[in-house]
Amino acid sequence: MKLNKDIHIAIVSSSYRPEITKSLVHHCVKTLEKKGIAKSQLKIVYVPGSLEIPLIAKKLAQKKIYDAIIAFGAVFKGKTYHFEQVANECIRGCMNVAYEFETPVIFEVLCVYDPKDALERATGKEDNRGVEGALTALRIIEIIRNL
């Protein structure tokens, strides 16, 4: 894909669990920069938690200026049903935004049973979801532009 200056990507990240989310955002931005996307082509918005991601993704999609939105968060399974509520509603909300506004929402909210799994996916060199979020966004932008 020939990258150019007209690509704009938004990143919505939970600020909860910063040991995970800051790393995801960092790896994502670095990957996009390596692929020729300037920081001026990115909009990063931090929200309190993963449940707030869909609303901000919707507000960004309404602007009709972003080619893709990347969502980052970390939800850990605890002893209550809260994990399922947050994980399920966050993904549903993000998919609703994608369908309603025809803007891809790359879902990299890590919903895990073991916090170590989230840390590995946020900081690892082989399976880094920040890197994967960036590459997926660029690939879907290319696919959509070639339809």
N, C-alpha and C. Protein backbone atom coordinates (compact mmCIF):
# COMPACT_ATOMS: atom_id res chain seq x y z
N MET A 1 0.84 -1.18 0.00
CA MET A 1 0.00 0.00 0.00
C MET A 1 0.89 1.24 0.00
N LYS A 2 0.61 2.13 -0.90
CA LYS A 2 1.34 3.40 -0.93
C LYS A 2 0.71 4.32 0.11
N LEU A 3 1.46 4.58 1.16
CA LEU A 3 0.93 5.44 2.21
C LEU A 3 1.12 6.89 1.82
N ASN A 4 0.14 7.67 2.16
CA ASN A 4 0.23 9.09 1.84
C ASN A 4 -0.33 9.92 2.98
N LYS A 5 -0.27 11.20 2.77
CA LYS A 5 -0.63 12.14 3.83
C LYS A 5 -2.13 12.24 4.09
N ASP A 6 -2.95 11.57 3.28
CA ASP A 6 -4.39 11.70 3.51
C ASP A 6 -4.96 10.62 4.42
N ILE A 7 -4.12 9.77 4.96
CA ILE A 7 -4.58 8.76 5.93
C ILE A 7 -4.63 9.39 7.32
N HIS A 8 -5.76 9.20 7.98
CA HIS A 8 -5.91 9.68 9.36
C HIS A 8 -6.46 8.54 10.21
N ILE A 9 -5.80 8.30 11.31
CA ILE A 9 -6.17 7.20 12.21
C ILE A 9 -6.36 7.75 13.61
N ALA A 10 -7.43 7.31 14.25
CA ALA A 10 -7.68 7.67 15.65
C ALA A 10 -7.39 6.45 16.52
N ILE A 11 -6.85 6.71 17.68
CA ILE A 11 -6.60 5.68 18.69
C ILE A 11 -7.38 6.07 19.93
N VAL A 12 -8.20 5.15 20.42
CA VAL A 12 -8.93 5.37 21.67
C VAL A 12 -8.40 4.33 22.65
N SER A 13 -7.84 4.82 23.75
CA SER A 13 -7.24 3.91 24.72
C SER A 13 -7.77 4.18 26.12
N SER A 14 -8.06 3.10 26.79
CA SER A 14 -8.38 3.20 28.21
C SER A 14 -7.12 3.63 28.96
N SER A 15 -7.29 4.48 29.94
CA SER A 15 -6.15 4.84 30.78
C SER A 15 -6.08 3.93 32.01
N TYR A 16 -7.07 3.07 32.16
CA TYR A 16 -7.06 2.08 33.24
C TYR A 16 -6.10 0.96 32.84
N ARG A 17 -5.39 0.44 33.76
CA ARG A 17 -4.34 -0.56 33.51
C ARG A 17 -3.24 0.03 32.62
N PRO A 18 -2.66 1.16 33.02
CA PRO A 18 -1.69 1.85 32.17
C PRO A 18 -0.45 1.04 31.83
N GLU A 19 -0.10 0.07 32.69
CA GLU A 19 1.06 -0.78 32.38
C GLU A 19 0.84 -1.58 31.10
N ILE A 20 -0.41 -1.75 30.73
CA ILE A 20 -0.77 -2.46 29.50
C ILE A 20 -1.06 -1.46 28.39
N THR A 21 -1.95 -0.53 28.65
CA THR A 21 -2.46 0.33 27.58
C THR A 21 -1.41 1.31 27.04
N LYS A 22 -0.55 1.82 27.91
CA LYS A 22 0.49 2.73 27.42
C LYS A 22 1.44 2.01 26.45
N SER A 23 1.73 0.76 26.75
CA SER A 23 2.60 -0.02 25.88
C SER A 23 1.93 -0.30 24.54
N LEU A 24 0.64 -0.62 24.58
CA LEU A 24 -0.10 -0.86 23.33
C LEU A 24 -0.07 0.37 22.43
N VAL A 25 -0.36 1.52 23.01
CA VAL A 25 -0.35 2.77 22.24
C VAL A 25 1.05 3.05 21.71
N HIS A 26 2.05 2.89 22.54
CA HIS A 26 3.43 3.15 22.13
C HIS A 26 3.82 2.29 20.93
N HIS A 27 3.59 1.00 21.02
CA HIS A 27 3.96 0.09 19.93
C HIS A 27 3.16 0.37 18.66
N CYS A 28 1.92 0.74 18.84
CA CYS A 28 1.07 1.08 17.70
C CYS A 28 1.62 2.31 16.97
N VAL A 29 1.87 3.37 17.71
CA VAL A 29 2.35 4.62 17.11
C VAL A 29 3.70 4.40 16.44
N LYS A 30 4.59 3.68 17.09
CA LYS A 30 5.91 3.42 16.49
C LYS A 30 5.77 2.63 15.19
N THR A 31 4.88 1.67 15.15
CA THR A 31 4.66 0.89 13.93
C THR A 31 4.09 1.76 12.82
N LEU A 32 3.11 2.59 13.15
CA LEU A 32 2.54 3.49 12.14
C LEU A 32 3.59 4.45 11.61
N GLU A 33 4.44 4.96 12.48
CA GLU A 33 5.51 5.86 12.03
C GLU A 33 6.47 5.14 11.09
N LYS A 34 6.81 3.90 11.41
CA LYS A 34 7.69 3.11 10.53
C LYS A 34 7.06 2.89 9.16
N LYS A 35 5.74 2.89 9.12
CA LYS A 35 5.02 2.68 7.85
C LYS A 35 4.72 3.99 7.15
N GLY A 36 5.24 5.10 7.66
CA GLY A 36 5.11 6.38 6.98
C GLY A 36 3.99 7.28 7.44
N ILE A 37 3.35 6.94 8.53
CA ILE A 37 2.27 7.77 9.06
C ILE A 37 2.88 8.73 10.09
N ALA A 38 2.67 10.01 9.88
CA ALA A 38 3.21 11.03 10.79
C ALA A 38 2.30 11.18 12.01
N LYS A 39 2.88 11.65 13.11
CA LYS A 39 2.07 11.87 14.32
C LYS A 39 0.94 12.85 14.06
N SER A 40 1.14 13.77 13.13
CA SER A 40 0.09 14.74 12.80
C SER A 40 -1.12 14.07 12.14
N GLN A 41 -0.97 12.85 11.68
CA GLN A 41 -2.07 12.11 11.06
C GLN A 41 -2.81 11.24 12.08
N LEU A 42 -2.38 11.32 13.33
CA LEU A 42 -2.96 10.50 14.39
C LEU A 42 -3.67 11.38 15.42
N LYS A 43 -4.73 10.84 15.94
CA LYS A 43 -5.45 11.47 17.07
C LYS A 43 -5.53 10.41 18.14
N ILE A 44 -5.00 10.71 19.32
CA ILE A 44 -5.05 9.76 20.43
C ILE A 44 -5.92 10.35 21.53
N VAL A 45 -6.90 9.56 21.95
CA VAL A 45 -7.82 9.98 23.01
C VAL A 45 -7.79 8.92 24.11
N TYR A 46 -7.58 9.38 25.34
CA TYR A 46 -7.60 8.47 26.49
C TYR A 46 -8.93 8.61 27.22
N VAL A 47 -9.50 7.48 27.57
CA VAL A 47 -10.76 7.44 28.31
C VAL A 47 -10.52 6.71 29.63
N PRO A 48 -11.42 6.87 30.61
CA PRO A 48 -11.18 6.25 31.93
C PRO A 48 -11.06 4.73 31.90
N GLY A 49 -11.94 4.06 31.15
CA GLY A 49 -11.93 2.60 31.13
C GLY A 49 -12.42 2.07 29.80
N SER A 50 -12.41 0.76 29.66
CA SER A 50 -12.78 0.14 28.38
C SER A 50 -14.25 0.34 28.02
N LEU A 51 -15.11 0.46 29.01
CA LEU A 51 -16.52 0.65 28.73
C LEU A 51 -16.80 2.01 28.08
N GLU A 52 -15.89 2.95 28.24
CA GLU A 52 -16.07 4.27 27.63
C GLU A 52 -15.53 4.35 26.21
N ILE A 53 -14.84 3.34 25.76
CA ILE A 53 -14.25 3.35 24.41
C ILE A 53 -15.29 3.51 23.31
N PRO A 54 -16.37 2.75 23.29
CA PRO A 54 -17.32 2.85 22.17
C PRO A 54 -17.91 4.25 21.96
N LEU A 55 -18.25 4.95 23.03
CA LEU A 55 -18.83 6.28 22.87
C LEU A 55 -17.84 7.22 22.19
N ILE A 56 -16.58 7.19 22.62
CA ILE A 56 -15.60 8.08 22.01
C ILE A 56 -15.28 7.63 20.59
N ALA A 57 -15.27 6.34 20.34
CA ALA A 57 -15.10 5.86 18.97
C ALA A 57 -16.23 6.38 18.08
N LYS A 58 -17.44 6.39 18.60
CA LYS A 58 -18.58 6.91 17.84
C LYS A 58 -18.41 8.40 17.56
N LYS A 59 -18.02 9.16 18.57
CA LYS A 59 -17.82 10.61 18.37
C LYS A 59 -16.74 10.87 17.31
N LEU A 60 -15.70 10.07 17.32
CA LEU A 60 -14.64 10.22 16.31
C LEU A 60 -15.14 9.82 14.93
N ALA A 61 -15.88 8.73 14.85
CA ALA A 61 -16.40 8.27 13.56
C ALA A 61 -17.37 9.29 12.97
N GLN A 62 -18.14 9.96 13.81
CA GLN A 62 -19.09 10.97 13.34
C GLN A 62 -18.39 12.10 12.60
N LYS A 63 -17.15 12.35 12.91
CA LYS A 63 -16.40 13.44 12.27
C LYS A 63 -16.09 13.13 10.80
N LYS A 64 -16.13 11.86 10.42
CA LYS A 64 -15.90 11.43 9.04
C LYS A 64 -14.52 11.85 8.52
N ILE A 65 -13.53 11.91 9.40
CA ILE A 65 -12.18 12.25 8.94
C ILE A 65 -11.18 11.13 9.20
N TYR A 66 -11.58 10.11 9.94
CA TYR A 66 -10.64 9.02 10.26
C TYR A 66 -10.92 7.81 9.39
N ASP A 67 -9.85 7.28 8.84
CA ASP A 67 -9.95 6.10 7.99
C ASP A 67 -10.11 4.83 8.82
N ALA A 68 -9.65 4.86 10.05
CA ALA A 68 -9.78 3.73 10.98
C ALA A 68 -9.64 4.25 12.39
N ILE A 69 -10.21 3.50 13.31
CA ILE A 69 -10.10 3.79 14.74
C ILE A 69 -9.56 2.52 15.39
N ILE A 70 -8.55 2.69 16.22
CA ILE A 70 -7.96 1.55 16.93
C ILE A 70 -8.31 1.68 18.41
N ALA A 71 -8.85 0.62 18.98
CA ALA A 71 -9.28 0.63 20.39
C ALA A 71 -8.34 -0.24 21.22
N PHE A 72 -7.82 0.36 22.31
CA PHE A 72 -6.95 -0.36 23.23
C PHE A 72 -7.51 -0.31 24.64
N GLY A 73 -7.44 -1.43 25.32
CA GLY A 73 -7.85 -1.50 26.70
C GLY A 73 -7.40 -2.83 27.28
N ALA A 74 -7.65 -3.01 28.56
CA ALA A 74 -7.31 -4.27 29.23
C ALA A 74 -8.37 -4.56 30.28
N VAL A 75 -9.01 -5.71 30.13
CA VAL A 75 -10.06 -6.14 31.05
C VAL A 75 -9.65 -7.50 31.59
N PHE A 76 -9.54 -7.59 32.91
CA PHE A 76 -9.09 -8.83 33.54
C PHE A 76 -10.26 -9.52 34.23
N LYS A 77 -10.30 -10.83 34.12
CA LYS A 77 -11.31 -11.63 34.79
C LYS A 77 -11.07 -11.60 36.29
N GLY A 78 -12.10 -11.23 37.01
CA GLY A 78 -12.03 -11.24 38.47
C GLY A 78 -13.01 -12.25 39.03
N LYS A 79 -13.53 -11.96 40.19
CA LYS A 79 -14.44 -12.89 40.86
C LYS A 79 -15.90 -12.57 40.61
N THR A 80 -16.17 -11.53 39.83
CA THR A 80 -17.56 -11.15 39.59
C THR A 80 -17.87 -11.19 38.10
N TYR A 81 -19.10 -10.93 37.77
CA TYR A 81 -19.59 -10.92 36.40
C TYR A 81 -19.15 -9.65 35.65
N HIS A 82 -18.57 -8.71 36.32
CA HIS A 82 -18.18 -7.42 35.73
C HIS A 82 -17.31 -7.60 34.49
N PHE A 83 -16.41 -8.55 34.51
CA PHE A 83 -15.53 -8.82 33.37
C PHE A 83 -16.34 -9.05 32.09
N GLU A 84 -17.33 -9.92 32.18
CA GLU A 84 -18.16 -10.24 31.01
C GLU A 84 -18.95 -9.02 30.55
N GLN A 85 -19.48 -8.27 31.49
CA GLN A 85 -20.25 -7.08 31.13
C GLN A 85 -19.39 -6.09 30.36
N VAL A 86 -18.23 -5.77 30.87
CA VAL A 86 -17.36 -4.79 30.22
C VAL A 86 -16.86 -5.31 28.87
N ALA A 87 -16.37 -6.53 28.85
CA ALA A 87 -15.82 -7.10 27.61
C ALA A 87 -16.90 -7.18 26.52
N ASN A 88 -18.05 -7.71 26.86
CA ASN A 88 -19.11 -7.89 25.86
C ASN A 88 -19.66 -6.56 25.35
N GLU A 89 -19.89 -5.63 26.25
CA GLU A 89 -20.45 -4.35 25.83
C GLU A 89 -19.44 -3.50 25.07
N CYS A 90 -18.19 -3.61 25.41
CA CYS A 90 -17.16 -2.86 24.70
C CYS A 90 -17.06 -3.35 23.25
N ILE A 91 -17.00 -4.65 23.05
CA ILE A 91 -16.91 -5.17 21.68
C ILE A 91 -18.19 -4.87 20.90
N ARG A 92 -19.34 -5.04 21.54
CA ARG A 92 -20.60 -4.75 20.85
C ARG A 92 -20.66 -3.28 20.45
N GLY A 93 -20.29 -2.41 21.35
CA GLY A 93 -20.31 -0.98 21.05
C GLY A 93 -19.37 -0.62 19.92
N CYS A 94 -18.19 -1.19 19.93
CA CYS A 94 -17.22 -0.91 18.85
C CYS A 94 -17.73 -1.44 17.50
N MET A 95 -18.32 -2.61 17.51
CA MET A 95 -18.86 -3.15 16.24
C MET A 95 -20.03 -2.30 15.75
N ASN A 96 -20.86 -1.82 16.66
CA ASN A 96 -21.96 -0.94 16.26
C ASN A 96 -21.43 0.32 15.58
N VAL A 97 -20.37 0.89 16.12
CA VAL A 97 -19.76 2.08 15.51
C VAL A 97 -19.26 1.75 14.11
N ALA A 98 -18.57 0.65 13.97
CA ALA A 98 -18.03 0.26 12.66
C ALA A 98 -19.15 0.11 11.63
N TYR A 99 -20.22 -0.56 12.02
CA TYR A 99 -21.33 -0.78 11.09
C TYR A 99 -22.10 0.50 10.79
N GLU A 100 -22.37 1.29 11.81
CA GLU A 100 -23.16 2.49 11.61
C GLU A 100 -22.44 3.54 10.77
N PHE A 101 -21.16 3.70 10.99
CA PHE A 101 -20.42 4.77 10.31
C PHE A 101 -19.50 4.27 9.20
N GLU A 102 -19.49 2.95 9.01
CA GLU A 102 -18.64 2.33 7.99
C GLU A 102 -17.19 2.78 8.14
N THR A 103 -16.77 2.86 9.39
CA THR A 103 -15.40 3.15 9.76
C THR A 103 -14.85 1.96 10.52
N PRO A 104 -13.77 1.36 10.06
CA PRO A 104 -13.24 0.20 10.78
C PRO A 104 -12.82 0.56 12.20
N VAL A 105 -13.22 -0.26 13.14
CA VAL A 105 -12.77 -0.12 14.51
C VAL A 105 -11.96 -1.37 14.83
N ILE A 106 -10.67 -1.19 14.94
CA ILE A 106 -9.77 -2.31 15.20
C ILE A 106 -9.79 -2.56 16.70
N PHE A 107 -10.27 -3.72 17.09
CA PHE A 107 -10.51 -4.02 18.50
C PHE A 107 -9.32 -4.74 19.10
N GLU A 108 -8.54 -4.02 19.86
CA GLU A 108 -7.38 -4.59 20.55
C GLU A 108 -7.52 -4.38 22.06
N VAL A 109 -8.75 -4.52 22.54
CA VAL A 109 -9.00 -4.49 23.97
C VAL A 109 -8.72 -5.90 24.47
N LEU A 110 -7.73 -6.04 25.31
CA LEU A 110 -7.30 -7.36 25.76
C LEU A 110 -8.18 -7.82 26.91
N CYS A 111 -9.00 -8.81 26.65
CA CYS A 111 -9.91 -9.38 27.65
C CYS A 111 -9.32 -10.73 28.05
N VAL A 112 -8.71 -10.78 29.22
CA VAL A 112 -7.91 -11.96 29.57
C VAL A 112 -8.30 -12.50 30.95
N TYR A 113 -7.99 -13.77 31.14
CA TYR A 113 -8.19 -14.42 32.42
C TYR A 113 -6.98 -14.22 33.33
N ASP A 114 -5.82 -14.08 32.73
CA ASP A 114 -4.58 -13.93 33.50
C ASP A 114 -3.89 -12.63 33.07
N PRO A 115 -3.67 -11.71 34.01
CA PRO A 115 -3.02 -10.44 33.66
C PRO A 115 -1.68 -10.60 32.94
N LYS A 116 -0.97 -11.70 33.21
CA LYS A 116 0.30 -11.95 32.53
C LYS A 116 0.10 -12.04 31.01
N ASP A 117 -1.03 -12.59 30.58
CA ASP A 117 -1.31 -12.70 29.15
C ASP A 117 -1.43 -11.33 28.51
N ALA A 118 -2.08 -10.40 29.20
CA ALA A 118 -2.22 -9.05 28.67
C ALA A 118 -0.85 -8.37 28.59
N LEU A 119 -0.05 -8.53 29.62
CA LEU A 119 1.28 -7.92 29.63
C LEU A 119 2.13 -8.46 28.49
N GLU A 120 2.08 -9.76 28.26
CA GLU A 120 2.83 -10.37 27.14
C GLU A 120 2.36 -9.81 25.80
N ARG A 121 1.06 -9.66 25.63
CA ARG A 121 0.52 -9.17 24.36
C ARG A 121 0.79 -7.67 24.16
N ALA A 122 1.01 -6.96 25.24
CA ALA A 122 1.27 -5.52 25.15
C ALA A 122 2.75 -5.19 25.01
N THR A 123 3.61 -6.07 25.50
CA THR A 123 5.04 -5.76 25.52
C THR A 123 5.88 -6.72 24.69
N GLY A 124 5.30 -7.83 24.28
CA GLY A 124 6.07 -8.86 23.58
C GLY A 124 6.52 -8.45 22.20
N LYS A 125 7.55 -9.12 21.74
CA LYS A 125 8.09 -8.84 20.41
C LYS A 125 7.41 -9.67 19.33
N GLU A 126 6.92 -10.85 19.68
CA GLU A 126 6.33 -11.73 18.68
C GLU A 126 4.83 -11.49 18.48
N ASP A 127 4.10 -11.35 19.54
CA ASP A 127 2.64 -11.18 19.44
C ASP A 127 2.25 -9.89 20.16
N ASN A 128 2.62 -8.77 19.58
CA ASN A 128 2.32 -7.49 20.20
C ASN A 128 1.06 -6.92 19.58
N ARG A 129 0.03 -6.77 20.39
CA ARG A 129 -1.27 -6.32 19.87
C ARG A 129 -1.26 -4.84 19.49
N GLY A 130 -0.33 -4.06 19.99
CA GLY A 130 -0.18 -2.68 19.54
C GLY A 130 0.31 -2.64 18.10
N VAL A 131 1.32 -3.44 17.82
CA VAL A 131 1.83 -3.57 16.45
C VAL A 131 0.73 -4.12 15.55
N GLU A 132 0.07 -5.15 16.00
CA GLU A 132 -0.98 -5.79 15.19
C GLU A 132 -2.13 -4.83 14.91
N GLY A 133 -2.49 -4.02 15.89
CA GLY A 133 -3.55 -3.03 15.69
C GLY A 133 -3.19 -2.05 14.58
N ALA A 134 -1.94 -1.59 14.59
CA ALA A 134 -1.48 -0.66 13.55
C ALA A 134 -1.51 -1.31 12.17
N LEU A 135 -0.96 -2.52 12.07
CA LEU A 135 -0.90 -3.21 10.78
C LEU A 135 -2.29 -3.56 10.26
N THR A 136 -3.18 -3.95 11.16
CA THR A 136 -4.55 -4.26 10.75
C THR A 136 -5.26 -3.02 10.24
N ALA A 137 -5.07 -1.90 10.93
CA ALA A 137 -5.69 -0.65 10.48
C ALA A 137 -5.22 -0.28 9.07
N LEU A 138 -3.92 -0.35 8.84
CA LEU A 138 -3.40 -0.01 7.51
C LEU A 138 -3.91 -0.96 6.44
N ARG A 139 -4.00 -2.23 6.78
CA ARG A 139 -4.48 -3.22 5.79
C ARG A 139 -5.96 -2.99 5.46
N ILE A 140 -6.79 -2.72 6.46
CA ILE A 140 -8.21 -2.52 6.18
C ILE A 140 -8.44 -1.23 5.43
N ILE A 141 -7.64 -0.21 5.70
CA ILE A 141 -7.74 1.03 4.92
C ILE A 141 -7.44 0.74 3.46
N GLU A 142 -6.40 -0.04 3.22
CA GLU A 142 -6.04 -0.42 1.84
C GLU A 142 -7.18 -1.19 1.17
N ILE A 143 -7.74 -2.16 1.87
CA ILE A 143 -8.84 -2.95 1.30
C ILE A 143 -10.02 -2.06 0.95
N ILE A 144 -10.41 -1.20 1.85
CA ILE A 144 -11.56 -0.33 1.61
C ILE A 144 -11.30 0.60 0.44
N ARG A 145 -10.12 1.14 0.36
CA ARG A 145 -9.81 2.06 -0.75
C ARG A 145 -9.75 1.37 -2.10
N ASN A 146 -9.54 0.07 -2.08
CA ASN A 146 -9.46 -0.67 -3.35
C ASN A 146 -10.80 -1.32 -3.74
N LEU A 147 -11.84 -1.10 -2.98
CA LEU A 147 -13.16 -1.67 -3.33
C LEU A 147 -13.76 -0.95 -4.51
